[in-house]
Amino acid sequence: MALATPARPASAPPPPPAHRRPPSRGARLARWDIAYSPYLYIAPFFILFGIFGLYPMLRTAWMSLHDWDMIGDHTFIGLDNYAALLKDDYFWNATVNTLGIFVVATVPQLMLALFLANLLNRTTLRARTLFRMAIFVPNITSVAAVAIVFAMLFQRDFGVVNWLLSLVGVDAIDWDAQRWSSWTAIAFMVDWRWTGYNALILLAGMQAIPKDLYEAAALDGASQWRQFWRITLPMLTPTFVFVVVLSTIGGLQLFTEPLVFGNGNMRGGTQREFQTLAMYMYEKGINNLNTAGYGAAVAWALFVMIAIIAVINFALVRRTVK
């Protein structure tokens, strides 16, 4: 019969913990590397964004609350600049031009980009790599060079576009003298430059869709159009939303194309037919040094407009595609 081990008295102190050696220097460095190195890797972006992004935004917001003279006094006036915007006919004219060019350019651009991406995604297309490289060429071309070439194409007297229209009996159009015609010409510039870029982004999203879904749909007798509508579009929703938001931001910040189209005239035509908000902001904030505060208010009004329209587009696209 084994003897039972006597129980330790309840009042006896617990045994001392086993002695642990302190972690070595290498172990401490490895622990610090795992904990803090990710923050160091992303720190350059946030530092640069803080210097060149966040600080200018906050500075501009502060300027918009002042009667700011770049070479004179800075007088705090609160929201007076924003109140003046609501009564400024030139501001509303620039707003209408910006939204009009945005709609005329962006809607066809996205539709054409979606069509090209679907075409380039087909395995039956020969020389796909060559075509993918070709549609990206306009995006790497200088925007100033693009605007100059298109301004020559849309000249009233010697432009190629008017010459082609004359072949079908259409009279010459003074493209920069009317609102609708200038919007159309600028939209052609924007679409020519950015359609291929958006098509490649959509193409990347299409290639991430599992091929098994198309094979199963083909076995069930679904046509290519039905596969596109039932498989491609729903699966492409996140990518398409990203492209829509990106196009919204770029379209509402339009500056170089209308500026060069108007031969450097910041007013956007003799009657401001195609002056955008970015051009009006530059006119007030840079060209006129004594109205820098008002130009800052225009910049923040544009920022709010971009945010609102981007959110609306985001909601509409997700709801429509689903």
Protein backbone atom coordinates (compact mmCIF):
# COMPACT_ATOMS: atom_id res chain seq x y z
CA MET A 1 0.00 0.00 0.00
CA ALA A 2 1.54 3.32 -1.09
CA LEU A 3 1.88 6.04 1.49
CA ALA A 4 0.02 9.26 0.69
CA THR A 5 2.09 12.36 0.20
CA PRO A 6 1.51 14.78 3.04
CA ALA A 7 -0.41 17.87 1.93
CA ARG A 8 1.37 21.21 2.07
CA PRO A 9 0.02 23.45 4.80
CA ALA A 10 -2.30 26.18 3.52
CA SER A 11 -0.19 28.83 5.15
CA ALA A 12 3.01 27.76 3.40
CA PRO A 13 4.31 30.27 0.78
CA PRO A 14 4.16 29.27 -2.91
CA PRO A 15 7.28 27.94 -4.45
CA PRO A 16 9.54 30.58 -6.02
CA PRO A 17 9.06 31.04 -9.80
CA ALA A 18 11.57 29.50 -12.07
CA HIS A 19 14.34 31.89 -12.99
CA ARG A 20 14.00 33.24 -16.54
CA ARG A 21 16.84 34.70 -18.46
CA PRO A 22 16.17 38.20 -19.84
CA PRO A 23 15.55 38.25 -23.61
CA SER A 24 18.61 38.75 -25.69
CA ARG A 25 19.23 41.89 -27.68
CA GLY A 26 18.41 40.08 -30.92
CA ALA A 27 15.06 38.90 -29.56
CA ARG A 28 14.16 42.42 -28.45
CA LEU A 29 15.07 43.82 -31.86
CA ALA A 30 13.00 41.14 -33.58
CA ARG A 31 10.00 41.97 -31.36
CA TRP A 32 10.37 45.69 -32.06
CA ASP A 33 10.73 45.00 -35.78
CA ILE A 34 7.43 43.07 -35.86
CA ALA A 35 5.62 45.69 -33.80
CA TYR A 36 6.91 48.94 -35.28
CA SER A 37 8.40 48.31 -38.74
CA PRO A 38 5.00 48.43 -40.55
CA TYR A 39 4.51 51.96 -39.25
CA LEU A 40 7.95 52.93 -40.49
CA TYR A 41 7.18 51.54 -43.95
CA ILE A 42 4.02 53.62 -44.36
CA ALA A 43 5.39 56.70 -42.58
CA PRO A 44 6.90 58.30 -45.75
CA PHE A 45 3.48 58.48 -47.39
CA PHE A 46 1.85 60.12 -44.38
CA ILE A 47 4.76 62.52 -43.93
CA LEU A 48 4.60 63.62 -47.57
CA PHE A 49 0.81 63.76 -47.46
CA GLY A 50 0.94 65.89 -44.32
CA ILE A 51 3.40 68.33 -45.89
CA PHE A 52 2.00 68.54 -49.43
CA GLY A 53 -1.63 67.50 -48.86
CA LEU A 54 -3.05 68.01 -45.40
CA TYR A 55 -1.22 71.22 -44.54
CA PRO A 56 -2.18 73.00 -47.80
CA MET A 57 -5.81 71.94 -47.27
CA LEU A 58 -5.89 73.32 -43.73
CA ARG A 59 -4.03 76.43 -44.84
CA THR A 60 -6.50 76.98 -47.67
CA ALA A 61 -9.42 76.55 -45.27
CA TRP A 62 -7.90 79.20 -42.99
CA MET A 63 -7.33 81.53 -45.92
CA SER A 64 -10.94 81.15 -47.04
CA LEU A 65 -12.05 82.76 -43.77
CA HIS A 66 -10.02 85.91 -44.47
CA ASP A 67 -9.88 88.82 -46.83
CA TRP A 68 -6.46 87.59 -47.88
CA ASP A 69 -4.12 89.78 -49.86
CA MET A 70 -1.00 87.90 -50.93
CA ILE A 71 1.13 91.03 -50.60
CA GLY A 72 -0.95 92.92 -48.02
CA ASP A 73 -3.13 92.50 -44.96
CA HIS A 74 -5.10 89.45 -43.85
CA THR A 75 -8.43 90.39 -42.28
CA PHE A 76 -10.63 87.76 -40.67
CA ILE A 77 -14.13 87.91 -42.17
CA GLY A 78 -15.59 84.52 -41.22
CA LEU A 79 -17.91 83.00 -43.81
CA ASP A 80 -18.30 86.15 -45.89
CA ASN A 81 -16.38 84.64 -48.82
CA TYR A 82 -18.76 81.67 -48.91
CA ALA A 83 -21.77 83.97 -48.70
CA ALA A 84 -20.36 85.94 -51.64
CA LEU A 85 -20.02 82.71 -53.64
CA LEU A 86 -23.75 82.13 -53.46
CA LYS A 87 -24.34 85.49 -55.16
CA ASP A 88 -21.51 85.21 -57.68
CA ASP A 89 -22.82 84.67 -61.21
CA TYR A 90 -19.34 83.75 -62.48
CA PHE A 91 -19.06 81.04 -59.81
CA TRP A 92 -22.38 79.48 -60.83
CA ASN A 93 -21.46 79.78 -64.50
CA ALA A 94 -18.23 77.88 -63.79
CA THR A 95 -20.21 75.31 -61.80
CA VAL A 96 -22.59 74.69 -64.71
CA ASN A 97 -19.67 74.40 -67.13
CA THR A 98 -17.83 71.98 -64.85
CA LEU A 99 -20.85 69.73 -64.36
CA GLY A 100 -21.79 69.92 -68.04
CA ILE A 101 -18.35 68.94 -69.31
CA PHE A 102 -18.18 66.24 -66.63
CA VAL A 103 -21.42 64.62 -67.80
CA VAL A 104 -20.69 64.97 -71.52
CA ALA A 105 -17.19 63.49 -71.09
CA THR A 106 -17.52 60.94 -68.30
CA VAL A 107 -20.63 58.98 -69.27
CA PRO A 108 -19.42 58.03 -72.81
CA GLN A 109 -15.93 57.51 -71.44
CA LEU A 110 -17.02 54.90 -68.90
CA MET A 111 -19.27 53.10 -71.38
CA LEU A 112 -16.52 52.96 -73.99
CA ALA A 113 -13.95 51.86 -71.40
CA LEU A 114 -16.24 49.02 -70.30
CA PHE A 115 -16.74 47.94 -73.92
CA LEU A 116 -13.00 47.98 -74.66
CA ALA A 117 -12.16 46.10 -71.48
CA ASN A 118 -14.69 43.38 -72.33
CA LEU A 119 -13.29 43.17 -75.86
CA LEU A 120 -9.68 42.90 -74.68
CA ASN A 121 -10.67 40.24 -72.16
CA ARG A 122 -11.75 37.80 -74.86
CA THR A 123 -9.37 34.93 -75.47
CA THR A 124 -10.29 34.83 -79.16
CA LEU A 125 -8.79 38.28 -79.78
CA ARG A 126 -5.40 38.15 -81.46
CA ALA A 127 -2.48 40.40 -80.46
CA ARG A 128 -4.20 41.27 -77.19
CA THR A 129 -0.97 42.53 -75.61
CA LEU A 130 -0.39 44.92 -78.50
CA PHE A 131 -3.90 46.35 -78.23
CA ARG A 132 -3.60 46.71 -74.45
CA MET A 133 -0.41 48.70 -74.87
CA ALA A 134 -1.93 50.79 -77.68
CA ILE A 135 -4.96 52.00 -75.70
CA PHE A 136 -2.68 53.22 -72.91
CA VAL A 137 -0.55 55.40 -75.21
CA PRO A 138 -2.85 58.47 -75.00
CA ASN A 139 -2.47 58.54 -71.22
CA ILE A 140 1.31 58.83 -71.33
CA THR A 141 1.14 61.65 -73.87
CA SER A 142 1.61 65.15 -72.52
CA VAL A 143 -1.76 66.69 -71.73
CA ALA A 144 -0.58 70.00 -73.15
CA ALA A 145 0.35 68.33 -76.43
CA VAL A 146 -3.03 66.59 -76.55
CA ALA A 147 -4.89 69.84 -75.93
CA ILE A 148 -2.87 71.70 -78.58
CA VAL A 149 -3.53 69.01 -81.22
CA PHE A 150 -7.25 68.90 -80.46
CA ALA A 151 -7.46 72.68 -80.45
CA MET A 152 -6.08 72.60 -84.00
CA LEU A 153 -8.48 69.84 -85.00
CA PHE A 154 -11.43 71.92 -83.78
CA GLN A 155 -10.39 75.20 -85.39
CA ARG A 156 -13.19 77.03 -87.14
CA ASP A 157 -11.49 77.83 -90.45
CA PHE A 158 -8.82 75.17 -90.95
CA GLY A 159 -9.80 72.41 -88.53
CA VAL A 160 -10.11 68.81 -89.67
CA VAL A 161 -13.40 68.31 -87.81
CA ASN A 162 -15.12 71.16 -89.66
CA TRP A 163 -13.69 69.88 -92.93
CA LEU A 164 -15.21 66.44 -92.27
CA LEU A 165 -18.53 68.03 -91.35
CA SER A 166 -18.49 70.04 -94.57
CA LEU A 167 -18.39 66.78 -96.53
CA VAL A 168 -21.86 65.97 -95.25
CA GLY A 169 -23.20 69.49 -95.73
CA VAL A 170 -22.74 70.88 -92.20
CA ASP A 171 -21.61 74.48 -91.93
CA ALA A 172 -18.40 75.35 -90.11
CA ILE A 173 -18.79 75.49 -86.32
CA ASP A 174 -17.00 78.02 -84.14
CA TRP A 175 -16.23 75.45 -81.45
CA ASP A 176 -14.96 77.83 -78.76
CA ALA A 177 -17.68 80.45 -79.22
CA GLN A 178 -20.64 78.46 -77.88
CA ARG A 179 -21.19 76.52 -74.71
CA TRP A 180 -22.40 73.22 -76.18
CA SER A 181 -19.74 73.09 -78.89
CA SER A 182 -16.86 73.89 -76.53
CA TRP A 183 -18.10 71.28 -74.06
CA THR A 184 -18.13 68.70 -76.86
CA ALA A 185 -14.62 69.54 -78.05
CA ILE A 186 -13.18 69.41 -74.53
CA ALA A 187 -15.02 66.15 -73.85
CA PHE A 188 -13.33 64.60 -76.89
CA MET A 189 -9.94 65.56 -75.44
CA VAL A 190 -10.74 64.08 -72.06
CA ASP A 191 -12.17 60.86 -73.49
CA TRP A 192 -9.28 60.32 -75.87
CA ARG A 193 -6.80 60.61 -73.01
CA TRP A 194 -8.53 58.69 -70.21
CA THR A 195 -10.67 56.00 -71.86
CA GLY A 196 -7.77 53.58 -72.30
CA TYR A 197 -6.58 54.14 -68.74
CA ASN A 198 -10.00 53.26 -67.32
CA ALA A 199 -10.32 50.32 -69.71
CA LEU A 200 -7.12 48.76 -68.35
CA ILE A 201 -8.34 49.10 -64.77
CA LEU A 202 -11.62 47.43 -65.69
CA LEU A 203 -9.72 44.76 -67.63
CA ALA A 204 -7.71 43.93 -64.51
CA GLY A 205 -10.96 43.52 -62.60
CA MET A 206 -12.39 41.25 -65.29
CA GLN A 207 -9.35 39.00 -65.28
CA ALA A 208 -9.81 38.44 -61.54
CA ILE A 209 -13.24 36.87 -62.16
CA PRO A 210 -13.03 33.04 -61.99
CA LYS A 211 -13.22 31.45 -65.43
CA ASP A 212 -15.25 28.56 -64.05
CA LEU A 213 -18.29 30.82 -63.84
CA TYR A 214 -18.17 31.50 -67.58
CA GLU A 215 -17.62 27.84 -68.40
CA ALA A 216 -20.61 26.80 -66.31
CA ALA A 217 -22.76 29.51 -67.88
CA ALA A 218 -21.70 28.43 -71.38
CA LEU A 219 -22.66 24.83 -70.59
CA ASP A 220 -26.08 26.07 -69.50
CA GLY A 221 -26.49 27.79 -72.87
CA ALA A 222 -26.01 31.41 -71.73
CA SER A 223 -25.02 33.81 -74.50
CA GLN A 224 -22.02 36.14 -74.23
CA TRP A 225 -24.31 39.08 -73.57
CA ARG A 226 -26.10 37.22 -70.79
CA GLN A 227 -22.75 36.17 -69.29
CA PHE A 228 -21.61 39.79 -69.36
CA TRP A 229 -24.83 41.04 -67.73
CA ARG A 230 -25.19 38.28 -65.13
CA ILE A 231 -21.56 37.49 -64.29
CA THR A 232 -19.17 40.21 -65.41
CA LEU A 233 -21.03 43.30 -64.23
CA PRO A 234 -21.94 42.02 -60.73
CA MET A 235 -18.43 40.67 -60.13
CA LEU A 236 -16.91 43.87 -61.51
CA THR A 237 -18.83 46.17 -59.15
CA PRO A 238 -15.91 47.11 -56.81
CA THR A 239 -13.61 47.91 -59.72
CA PHE A 240 -16.28 49.84 -61.60
CA VAL A 241 -17.12 51.88 -58.50
CA PHE A 242 -13.43 52.73 -58.13
CA VAL A 243 -13.24 53.87 -61.76
CA VAL A 244 -16.40 55.98 -61.37
CA VAL A 245 -15.08 57.73 -58.25
CA LEU A 246 -11.69 58.28 -59.89
CA SER A 247 -13.33 59.73 -63.00
CA THR A 248 -15.52 61.96 -60.85
CA ILE A 249 -12.53 63.45 -59.06
CA GLY A 250 -10.61 63.99 -62.28
CA GLY A 251 -13.59 65.30 -64.25
CA LEU A 252 -14.56 67.94 -61.71
CA GLN A 253 -10.95 69.14 -61.40
CA LEU A 254 -10.65 69.74 -65.15
CA PHE A 255 -8.18 72.53 -65.84
CA THR A 256 -5.51 71.98 -68.49
CA GLU A 257 -7.71 70.86 -71.39
CA PRO A 258 -10.09 73.86 -71.36
CA LEU A 259 -7.22 76.23 -70.62
CA VAL A 260 -5.15 75.18 -73.64
CA PHE A 261 -8.28 74.87 -75.78
CA GLY A 262 -8.92 78.56 -75.06
CA ASN A 263 -5.32 79.51 -75.95
CA GLY A 264 -4.42 80.15 -72.33
CA ASN A 265 -7.38 82.39 -71.61
CA MET A 266 -8.26 81.82 -67.94
CA ARG A 267 -11.75 83.20 -68.52
CA GLY A 268 -12.62 80.20 -70.71
CA GLY A 269 -13.77 82.02 -73.82
CA THR A 270 -14.90 85.57 -74.44
CA GLN A 271 -18.13 84.98 -72.49
CA ARG A 272 -16.77 82.32 -70.12
CA GLU A 273 -18.42 79.60 -72.19
CA PHE A 274 -16.17 76.82 -70.87
CA GLN A 275 -14.52 78.22 -67.74
CA THR A 276 -14.42 75.46 -65.12
CA LEU A 277 -14.30 75.84 -61.35
CA ALA A 278 -10.59 75.01 -61.32
CA MET A 279 -9.96 77.82 -63.81
CA TYR A 280 -12.11 80.24 -61.82
CA MET A 281 -10.26 79.29 -58.64
CA TYR A 282 -6.94 80.01 -60.36
CA GLU A 283 -8.25 83.30 -61.70
CA LYS A 284 -9.32 84.49 -58.25
CA GLY A 285 -6.60 82.93 -56.13
CA ILE A 286 -3.48 83.28 -58.28
CA ASN A 287 -4.05 85.83 -61.03
CA ASN A 288 -5.63 88.31 -58.60
CA LEU A 289 -3.34 88.43 -55.59
CA ASN A 290 -5.73 90.57 -53.58
CA THR A 291 -8.54 87.97 -53.71
CA ALA A 292 -6.59 84.90 -52.58
CA GLY A 293 -9.07 84.29 -49.76
CA TYR A 294 -11.96 84.22 -52.21
CA GLY A 295 -10.02 81.79 -54.41
CA ALA A 296 -9.50 79.55 -51.38
CA ALA A 297 -13.27 79.59 -50.78
CA VAL A 298 -13.80 78.48 -54.40
CA ALA A 299 -11.31 75.65 -53.82
CA TRP A 300 -13.20 74.40 -50.78
CA ALA A 301 -16.54 74.70 -52.56
CA LEU A 302 -15.07 72.51 -55.32
CA PHE A 303 -13.80 70.04 -52.72
CA VAL A 304 -17.24 69.72 -51.14
CA MET A 305 -18.86 69.33 -54.56
CA ILE A 306 -16.45 66.54 -55.52
CA ALA A 307 -17.11 64.72 -52.24
CA ILE A 308 -20.90 64.94 -52.61
CA ILE A 309 -20.98 63.84 -56.27
CA ALA A 310 -18.48 61.02 -55.60
CA VAL A 311 -20.69 59.67 -52.81
CA ILE A 312 -23.80 59.94 -55.02
CA ASN A 313 -22.05 58.15 -57.90
CA PHE A 314 -20.79 55.48 -55.51
CA ALA A 315 -24.30 54.80 -54.23
CA LEU A 316 -25.94 54.87 -57.68
CA VAL A 317 -23.40 52.57 -59.32
CA ARG A 318 -23.53 49.99 -56.54
CA ARG A 319 -27.32 50.03 -56.57
CA THR A 320 -27.59 49.87 -60.38
CA VAL A 321 -25.00 47.14 -60.97
CA LYS A 322 -26.40 44.95 -58.21
